[in-house]
Amino acid sequence: MKRIEIEKNRLDLAYQRNLQLLNTLLIMGFGSIITYLVALILDTSKSFQYTIILVIISSISILLYRRINNHLKKISDEIGKLV
């Protein structure tokens, strides 16, 4: 019984870590969108450069979001198997 509890606690910690990473990623993603809009308002002559940077940041954010979300699903399934 103790081994199952220890494994569940380990999985819970991993789940919490991934949730924190996901929150950080979402905050960075929304922050970059807000920064992009402010930069466009302040200086429209560099809109192409700002757009390229936003596309790169968005692509990285989407890839990391999918990866973290898959990890969360795996951990959740493993916790479900323990119970």
PDB file of N, CA and C in Angstrom:
ATOM      1  N   MET A   1       0.819  -1.195   0.000  1.00  0.00           N
ATOM      2  CA  MET A   1       0.000   0.000   0.000  1.00  0.00           C
ATOM      3  C   MET A   1       0.860   1.255   0.000  1.00  0.00           C
ATOM      4  N   LYS A   2       1.944   1.236   0.751  1.00  0.00           N
ATOM      5  CA  LYS A   2       2.790   2.418   0.806  1.00  0.00           C
ATOM      6  C   LYS A   2       3.422   2.706  -0.548  1.00  0.00           C
ATOM      7  N   ARG A   3       3.800   1.669  -1.266  1.00  0.00           N
ATOM      8  CA  ARG A   3       4.443   1.868  -2.564  1.00  0.00           C
ATOM      9  C   ARG A   3       3.496   2.581  -3.532  1.00  0.00           C
ATOM     10  N   ILE A   4       2.238   2.224  -3.503  1.00  0.00           N
ATOM     11  CA  ILE A   4       1.254   2.864  -4.375  1.00  0.00           C
ATOM     12  C   ILE A   4       1.092   4.336  -3.992  1.00  0.00           C
ATOM     13  N   GLU A   5       1.077   4.622  -2.702  1.00  0.00           N
ATOM     14  CA  GLU A   5       0.943   6.012  -2.253  1.00  0.00           C
ATOM     15  C   GLU A   5       2.149   6.851  -2.659  1.00  0.00           C
ATOM     16  N   ILE A   6       3.340   6.249  -2.547  1.00  0.00           N
ATOM     17  CA  ILE A   6       4.555   6.965  -2.946  1.00  0.00           C
ATOM     18  C   ILE A   6       4.539   7.249  -4.439  1.00  0.00           C
ATOM     19  N   GLU A   7       4.132   6.273  -5.224  1.00  0.00           N
ATOM     20  CA  GLU A   7       4.058   6.459  -6.679  1.00  0.00           C
ATOM     21  C   GLU A   7       3.021   7.518  -7.031  1.00  0.00           C
ATOM     22  N   LYS A   8       1.877   7.502  -6.344  1.00  0.00           N
ATOM     23  CA  LYS A   8       0.847   8.507  -6.592  1.00  0.00           C
ATOM     24  C   LYS A   8       1.362   9.902  -6.238  1.00  0.00           C
ATOM     25  N   ASN A   9       2.069  10.027  -5.117  1.00  0.00           N
ATOM     26  CA  ASN A   9       2.630  11.324  -4.737  1.00  0.00           C
ATOM     27  C   ASN A   9       3.645  11.808  -5.762  1.00  0.00           C
ATOM     28  N   ARG A  10       4.455  10.898  -6.275  1.00  0.00           N
ATOM     29  CA  ARG A  10       5.436  11.267  -7.302  1.00  0.00           C
ATOM     30  C   ARG A  10       4.735  11.768  -8.553  1.00  0.00           C
ATOM     31  N   LEU A  11       3.683  11.072  -8.953  1.00  0.00           N
ATOM     32  CA  LEU A  11       2.925  11.479 -10.136  1.00  0.00           C
ATOM     33  C   LEU A  11       2.202  12.805  -9.902  1.00  0.00           C
ATOM     34  N   ASP A  12       1.692  13.001  -8.691  1.00  0.00           N
ATOM     35  CA  ASP A  12       1.046  14.278  -8.369  1.00  0.00           C
ATOM     36  C   ASP A  12       2.038  15.428  -8.477  1.00  0.00           C
ATOM     37  N   LEU A  13       3.258  15.223  -7.984  1.00  0.00           N
ATOM     38  CA  LEU A  13       4.278  16.262  -8.084  1.00  0.00           C
ATOM     39  C   LEU A  13       4.643  16.550  -9.540  1.00  0.00           C
ATOM     40  N   ALA A  14       4.750  15.499 -10.333  1.00  0.00           N
ATOM     41  CA  ALA A  14       5.052  15.686 -11.757  1.00  0.00           C
ATOM     42  C   ALA A  14       3.912  16.428 -12.449  1.00  0.00           C
ATOM     43  N   TYR A  15       2.683  16.116 -12.077  1.00  0.00           N
ATOM     44  CA  TYR A  15       1.525  16.782 -12.657  1.00  0.00           C
ATOM     45  C   TYR A  15       1.533  18.272 -12.304  1.00  0.00           C
ATOM     46  N   GLN A  16       1.802  18.584 -11.031  1.00  0.00           N
ATOM     47  CA  GLN A  16       1.861  19.982 -10.600  1.00  0.00           C
ATOM     48  C   GLN A  16       2.966  20.741 -11.321  1.00  0.00           C
ATOM     49  N   ARG A  17       4.106  20.104 -11.509  1.00  0.00           N
ATOM     50  CA  ARG A  17       5.214  20.743 -12.222  1.00  0.00           C
ATOM     51  C   ARG A  17       4.811  21.076 -13.655  1.00  0.00           C
ATOM     52  N   ASN A  18       4.161  20.134 -14.318  1.00  0.00           N
ATOM     53  CA  ASN A  18       3.726  20.369 -15.693  1.00  0.00           C
ATOM     54  C   ASN A  18       2.652  21.444 -15.759  1.00  0.00           C
ATOM     55  N   LEU A  19       1.785  21.520 -14.759  1.00  0.00           N
ATOM     56  CA  LEU A  19       0.791  22.585 -14.727  1.00  0.00           C
ATOM     57  C   LEU A  19       1.461  23.951 -14.580  1.00  0.00           C
ATOM     58  N   GLN A  20       2.498  24.025 -13.758  1.00  0.00           N
ATOM     59  CA  GLN A  20       3.218  25.287 -13.602  1.00  0.00           C
ATOM     60  C   GLN A  20       3.905  25.684 -14.902  1.00  0.00           C
ATOM     61  N   LEU A  21       4.487  24.700 -15.591  1.00  0.00           N
ATOM     62  CA  LEU A  21       5.105  24.987 -16.888  1.00  0.00           C
ATOM     63  C   LEU A  21       4.071  25.479 -17.888  1.00  0.00           C
ATOM     64  N   LEU A  22       2.915  24.857 -17.872  1.00  0.00           N
ATOM     65  CA  LEU A  22       1.845  25.252 -18.792  1.00  0.00           C
ATOM     66  C   LEU A  22       1.368  26.675 -18.494  1.00  0.00           C
ATOM     67  N   ASN A  23       1.202  27.005 -17.234  1.00  0.00           N
ATOM     68  CA  ASN A  23       0.803  28.367 -16.865  1.00  0.00           C
ATOM     69  C   ASN A  23       1.843  29.382 -17.301  1.00  0.00           C
ATOM     70  N   THR A  24       3.105  29.072 -17.082  1.00  0.00           N
ATOM     71  CA  THR A  24       4.184  29.969 -17.498  1.00  0.00           C
ATOM     72  C   THR A  24       4.164  30.165 -19.008  1.00  0.00           C
ATOM     73  N   LEU A  25       3.969  29.084 -19.719  1.00  0.00           N
ATOM     74  CA  LEU A  25       3.926  29.155 -21.182  1.00  0.00           C
ATOM     75  C   LEU A  25       2.764  30.012 -21.666  1.00  0.00           C
ATOM     76  N   LEU A  26       1.605  29.846 -21.071  1.00  0.00           N
ATOM     77  CA  LEU A  26       0.442  30.637 -21.479  1.00  0.00           C
ATOM     78  C   LEU A  26       0.633  32.119 -21.156  1.00  0.00           C
ATOM     79  N   ILE A  27       1.225  32.411 -20.012  1.00  0.00           N
ATOM     80  CA  ILE A  27       1.486  33.808 -19.659  1.00  0.00           C
ATOM     81  C   ILE A  27       2.470  34.424 -20.645  1.00  0.00           C
ATOM     82  N   MET A  28       3.517  33.678 -21.003  1.00  0.00           N
ATOM     83  CA  MET A  28       4.484  34.188 -21.980  1.00  0.00           C
ATOM     84  C   MET A  28       3.836  34.399 -23.339  1.00  0.00           C
ATOM     85  N   GLY A  29       2.969  33.476 -23.736  1.00  0.00           N
ATOM     86  CA  GLY A  29       2.298  33.603 -25.024  1.00  0.00           C
ATOM     87  C   GLY A  29       1.401  34.824 -25.094  1.00  0.00           C
ATOM     88  N   PHE A  30       0.577  35.024 -24.068  1.00  0.00           N
ATOM     89  CA  PHE A  30      -0.299  36.196 -24.060  1.00  0.00           C
ATOM     90  C   PHE A  30       0.501  37.478 -23.902  1.00  0.00           C
ATOM     91  N   GLY A  31       1.581  37.408 -23.142  1.00  0.00           N
ATOM     92  CA  GLY A  31       2.444  38.579 -22.988  1.00  0.00           C
ATOM     93  C   GLY A  31       3.073  38.990 -24.302  1.00  0.00           C
ATOM     94  N   SER A  32       3.466  38.001 -25.105  1.00  0.00           N
ATOM     95  CA  SER A  32       4.071  38.335 -26.398  1.00  0.00           C
ATOM     96  C   SER A  32       3.042  38.936 -27.352  1.00  0.00           C
ATOM     97  N   ILE A  33       1.808  38.491 -27.272  1.00  0.00           N
ATOM     98  CA  ILE A  33       0.757  39.072 -28.123  1.00  0.00           C
ATOM     99  C   ILE A  33       0.499  40.524 -27.720  1.00  0.00           C
ATOM    100  N   ILE A  34       0.438  40.774 -26.426  1.00  0.00           N
ATOM    101  CA  ILE A  34       0.228  42.149 -25.950  1.00  0.00           C
ATOM    102  C   ILE A  34       1.408  43.029 -26.354  1.00  0.00           C
ATOM    103  N   THR A  35       2.624  42.515 -26.197  1.00  0.00           N
ATOM    104  CA  THR A  35       3.816  43.268 -26.595  1.00  0.00           C
ATOM    105  C   THR A  35       3.793  43.566 -28.088  1.00  0.00           C
ATOM    106  N   TYR A  36       3.362  42.605 -28.885  1.00  0.00           N
ATOM    107  CA  TYR A  36       3.256  42.789 -30.335  1.00  0.00           C
ATOM    108  C   TYR A  36       2.288  43.922 -30.667  1.00  0.00           C
ATOM    109  N   LEU A  37       1.135  43.911 -30.029  1.00  0.00           N
ATOM    110  CA  LEU A  37       0.149  44.955 -30.309  1.00  0.00           C
ATOM    111  C   LEU A  37       0.649  46.330 -29.891  1.00  0.00           C
ATOM    112  N   VAL A  38       1.313  46.411 -28.742  1.00  0.00           N
ATOM    113  CA  VAL A  38       1.864  47.690 -28.295  1.00  0.00           C
ATOM    114  C   VAL A  38       2.953  48.166 -29.248  1.00  0.00           C
ATOM    115  N   ALA A  39       3.801  47.247 -29.694  1.00  0.00           N
ATOM    116  CA  ALA A  39       4.873  47.614 -30.625  1.00  0.00           C
ATOM    117  C   ALA A  39       4.296  48.121 -31.942  1.00  0.00           C
ATOM    118  N   LEU A  40       3.214  47.517 -32.405  1.00  0.00           N
ATOM    119  CA  LEU A  40       2.578  47.992 -33.639  1.00  0.00           C
ATOM    120  C   LEU A  40       1.996  49.386 -33.466  1.00  0.00           C
ATOM    121  N   ILE A  41       1.447  49.641 -32.320  1.00  0.00           N
ATOM    122  CA  ILE A  41       0.882  50.973 -32.071  1.00  0.00           C
ATOM    123  C   ILE A  41       1.990  52.026 -32.047  1.00  0.00           C
ATOM    124  N   LEU A  42       3.110  51.675 -31.411  1.00  0.00           N
ATOM    125  CA  LEU A  42       4.191  52.647 -31.261  1.00  0.00           C
ATOM    126  C   LEU A  42       4.985  52.872 -32.548  1.00  0.00           C
ATOM    127  N   ASP A  43       5.226  51.801 -33.305  1.00  0.00           N
ATOM    128  CA  ASP A  43       6.063  51.933 -34.505  1.00  0.00           C
ATOM    129  C   ASP A  43       5.570  50.966 -35.574  1.00  0.00           C
ATOM    130  N   THR A  44       4.751  51.447 -36.475  1.00  0.00           N
ATOM    131  CA  THR A  44       4.174  50.581 -37.508  1.00  0.00           C
ATOM    132  C   THR A  44       5.146  50.293 -38.647  1.00  0.00           C
ATOM    133  N   SER A  45       6.266  51.000 -38.700  1.00  0.00           N
ATOM    134  CA  SER A  45       7.202  50.783 -39.802  1.00  0.00           C
ATOM    135  C   SER A  45       7.923  49.430 -39.689  1.00  0.00           C
ATOM    136  N   LYS A  46       7.942  48.845 -38.503  1.00  0.00           N
ATOM    137  CA  LYS A  46       8.616  47.561 -38.309  1.00  0.00           C
ATOM    138  C   LYS A  46       7.624  46.421 -38.123  1.00  0.00           C
ATOM    139  N   SER A  47       6.473  46.547 -38.696  1.00  0.00           N
ATOM    140  CA  SER A  47       5.424  45.548 -38.484  1.00  0.00           C
ATOM    141  C   SER A  47       5.821  44.170 -39.016  1.00  0.00           C
ATOM    142  N   PHE A  48       6.586  44.124 -40.113  1.00  0.00           N
ATOM    143  CA  PHE A  48       7.012  42.842 -40.669  1.00  0.00           C
ATOM    144  C   PHE A  48       7.920  42.115 -39.684  1.00  0.00           C
ATOM    145  N   GLN A  49       8.875  42.820 -39.104  1.00  0.00           N
ATOM    146  CA  GLN A  49       9.795  42.206 -38.135  1.00  0.00           C
ATOM    147  C   GLN A  49       9.043  41.733 -36.899  1.00  0.00           C
ATOM    148  N   TYR A  50       8.122  42.552 -36.419  1.00  0.00           N
ATOM    149  CA  TYR A  50       7.346  42.180 -35.247  1.00  0.00           C
ATOM    150  C   TYR A  50       6.486  40.950 -35.526  1.00  0.00           C
ATOM    151  N   THR A  51       5.935  40.897 -36.726  1.00  0.00           N
ATOM    152  CA  THR A  51       5.098  39.763 -37.095  1.00  0.00           C
ATOM    153  C   THR A  51       5.917  38.482 -37.163  1.00  0.00           C
ATOM    154  N   ILE A  52       7.111  38.534 -37.725  1.00  0.00           N
ATOM    155  CA  ILE A  52       7.974  37.360 -37.798  1.00  0.00           C
ATOM    156  C   ILE A  52       8.313  36.862 -36.389  1.00  0.00           C
ATOM    157  N   ILE A  53       8.660  37.787 -35.515  1.00  0.00           N
ATOM    158  CA  ILE A  53       8.989  37.405 -34.136  1.00  0.00           C
ATOM    159  C   ILE A  53       7.778  36.783 -33.451  1.00  0.00           C
ATOM    160  N   LEU A  54       6.595  37.360 -33.657  1.00  0.00           N
ATOM    161  CA  LEU A  54       5.387  36.814 -33.052  1.00  0.00           C
ATOM    162  C   LEU A  54       5.082  35.417 -33.587  1.00  0.00           C
ATOM    163  N   VAL A  55       5.265  35.205 -34.873  1.00  0.00           N
ATOM    164  CA  VAL A  55       5.011  33.882 -35.456  1.00  0.00           C
ATOM    165  C   VAL A  55       5.967  32.845 -34.859  1.00  0.00           C
ATOM    166  N   ILE A  56       7.221  33.220 -34.686  1.00  0.00           N
ATOM    167  CA  ILE A  56       8.198  32.297 -34.104  1.00  0.00           C
ATOM    168  C   ILE A  56       7.823  31.961 -32.659  1.00  0.00           C
ATOM    169  N   ILE A  57       7.524  32.983 -31.878  1.00  0.00           N
ATOM    170  CA  ILE A  57       7.147  32.757 -30.478  1.00  0.00           C
ATOM    171  C   ILE A  57       5.866  31.940 -30.388  1.00  0.00           C
ATOM    172  N   SER A  58       4.900  32.229 -31.249  1.00  0.00           N
ATOM    173  CA  SER A  58       3.643  31.475 -31.242  1.00  0.00           C
ATOM    174  C   SER A  58       3.862  30.018 -31.623  1.00  0.00           C
ATOM    175  N   SER A  59       4.707  29.764 -32.607  1.00  0.00           N
ATOM    176  CA  SER A  59       4.981  28.389 -33.018  1.00  0.00           C
ATOM    177  C   SER A  59       5.635  27.597 -31.894  1.00  0.00           C
ATOM    178  N   ILE A  60       6.607  28.207 -31.257  1.00  0.00           N
ATOM    179  CA  ILE A  60       7.269  27.537 -30.135  1.00  0.00           C
ATOM    180  C   ILE A  60       6.283  27.296 -29.004  1.00  0.00           C
ATOM    181  N   SER A  61       5.442  28.275 -28.728  1.00  0.00           N
ATOM    182  CA  SER A  61       4.454  28.144 -27.653  1.00  0.00           C
ATOM    183  C   SER A  61       3.463  27.022 -27.942  1.00  0.00           C
ATOM    184  N   ILE A  62       3.008  26.927 -29.170  1.00  0.00           N
ATOM    185  CA  ILE A  62       2.044  25.883 -29.534  1.00  0.00           C
ATOM    186  C   ILE A  62       2.678  24.506 -29.412  1.00  0.00           C
ATOM    187  N   LEU A  63       3.912  24.363 -29.888  1.00  0.00           N
ATOM    188  CA  LEU A  63       4.593  23.068 -29.784  1.00  0.00           C
ATOM    189  C   LEU A  63       4.796  22.658 -28.328  1.00  0.00           C
ATOM    190  N   LEU A  64       5.239  23.594 -27.513  1.00  0.00           N
ATOM    191  CA  LEU A  64       5.438  23.288 -26.099  1.00  0.00           C
ATOM    192  C   LEU A  64       4.121  23.011 -25.391  1.00  0.00           C
ATOM    193  N   TYR A  65       3.066  23.738 -25.755  1.00  0.00           N
ATOM    194  CA  TYR A  65       1.753  23.503 -25.158  1.00  0.00           C
ATOM    195  C   TYR A  65       1.282  22.080 -25.442  1.00  0.00           C
ATOM    196  N   ARG A  66       1.403  21.654 -26.670  1.00  0.00           N
ATOM    197  CA  ARG A  66       0.975  20.290 -27.025  1.00  0.00           C
ATOM    198  C   ARG A  66       1.786  19.240 -26.278  1.00  0.00           C
ATOM    199  N   ARG A  67       3.073  19.472 -26.178  1.00  0.00           N
ATOM    200  CA  ARG A  67       3.947  18.516 -25.489  1.00  0.00           C
ATOM    201  C   ARG A  67       3.588  18.426 -24.003  1.00  0.00           C
ATOM    202  N   ILE A  68       3.426  19.567 -23.363  1.00  0.00           N
ATOM    203  CA  ILE A  68       3.085  19.570 -21.943  1.00  0.00           C
ATOM    204  C   ILE A  68       1.701  18.976 -21.724  1.00  0.00           C
ATOM    205  N   ASN A  69       0.767  19.294 -22.591  1.00  0.00           N
ATOM    206  CA  ASN A  69      -0.587  18.755 -22.467  1.00  0.00           C
ATOM    207  C   ASN A  69      -0.584  17.233 -22.600  1.00  0.00           C
ATOM    208  N   ASN A  70       0.236  16.697 -23.504  1.00  0.00           N
ATOM    209  CA  ASN A  70       0.347  15.244 -23.631  1.00  0.00           C
ATOM    210  C   ASN A  70       0.938  14.628 -22.373  1.00  0.00           C
ATOM    211  N   HIS A  71       1.931  15.302 -21.769  1.00  0.00           N
ATOM    212  CA  HIS A  71       2.500  14.812 -20.519  1.00  0.00           C
ATOM    213  C   HIS A  71       1.440  14.795 -19.416  1.00  0.00           C
ATOM    214  N   LEU A  72       0.622  15.827 -19.370  1.00  0.00           N
ATOM    215  CA  LEU A  72      -0.439  15.882 -18.359  1.00  0.00           C
ATOM    216  C   LEU A  72      -1.427  14.733 -18.544  1.00  0.00           C
ATOM    217  N   LYS A  73      -1.763  14.425 -19.777  1.00  0.00           N
ATOM    218  CA  LYS A  73      -2.684  13.320 -20.044  1.00  0.00           C
ATOM    219  C   LYS A  73      -2.076  11.983 -19.632  1.00  0.00           C
ATOM    220  N   LYS A  74      -0.794  11.787 -19.931  1.00  0.00           N
ATOM    221  CA  LYS A  74      -0.121  10.542 -19.543  1.00  0.00           C
ATOM    222  C   LYS A  74      -0.092  10.377 -18.034  1.00  0.00           C
ATOM    223  N   ILE A  75       0.261  11.453 -17.344  1.00  0.00           N
ATOM    224  CA  ILE A  75       0.335  11.393 -15.887  1.00  0.00           C
ATOM    225  C   ILE A  75      -1.044  11.112 -15.295  1.00  0.00           C
ATOM    226  N   SER A  76      -2.061  11.765 -15.834  1.00  0.00           N
ATOM    227  CA  SER A  76      -3.417  11.550 -15.366  1.00  0.00           C
ATOM    228  C   SER A  76      -3.848  10.098 -15.569  1.00  0.00           C
ATOM    229  N   ASP A  77      -3.507   9.534 -16.708  1.00  0.00           N
ATOM    230  CA  ASP A  77      -3.830   8.122 -16.971  1.00  0.00           C
ATOM    231  C   ASP A  77      -3.098   7.205 -16.001  1.00  0.00           C
ATOM    232  N   GLU A  78      -1.834   7.498 -15.724  1.00  0.00           N
ATOM    233  CA  GLU A  78      -1.072   6.679 -14.788  1.00  0.00           C
ATOM    234  C   GLU A  78      -1.653   6.751 -13.381  1.00  0.00           C
ATOM    235  N   ILE A  79      -2.087   7.934 -12.966  1.00  0.00           N
ATOM    236  CA  ILE A  79      -2.720   8.078 -11.655  1.00  0.00           C
ATOM    237  C   ILE A  79      -4.017   7.285 -11.624  1.00  0.00           C
ATOM    238  N   GLY A  80      -4.774   7.318 -12.708  1.00  0.00           N
ATOM    239  CA  GLY A  80      -6.010   6.562 -12.789  1.00  0.00           C
ATOM    240  C   GLY A  80      -5.783   5.064 -12.688  1.00  0.00           C
ATOM    241  N   LYS A  81      -4.685   4.574 -13.224  1.00  0.00           N
ATOM    242  CA  LYS A  81      -4.382   3.142 -13.142  1.00  0.00           C
ATOM    243  C   LYS A  81      -4.011   2.724 -11.718  1.00  0.00           C
ATOM    244  N   LEU A  82      -3.445   3.636 -10.950  1.00  0.00           N
ATOM    245  CA  LEU A  82      -3.045   3.309  -9.587  1.00  0.00           C
ATOM    246  C   LEU A  82      -4.225   3.177  -8.651  1.00  0.00           C
ATOM    247  N   VAL A  83      -5.279   3.924  -8.925  1.00  0.00           N
ATOM    248  CA  VAL A  83      -6.415   3.950  -7.992  1.00  0.00           C
ATOM    249  C   VAL A  83      -7.296   2.779  -8.162  1.00  0.00           C
TER     250      VAL A  83
END
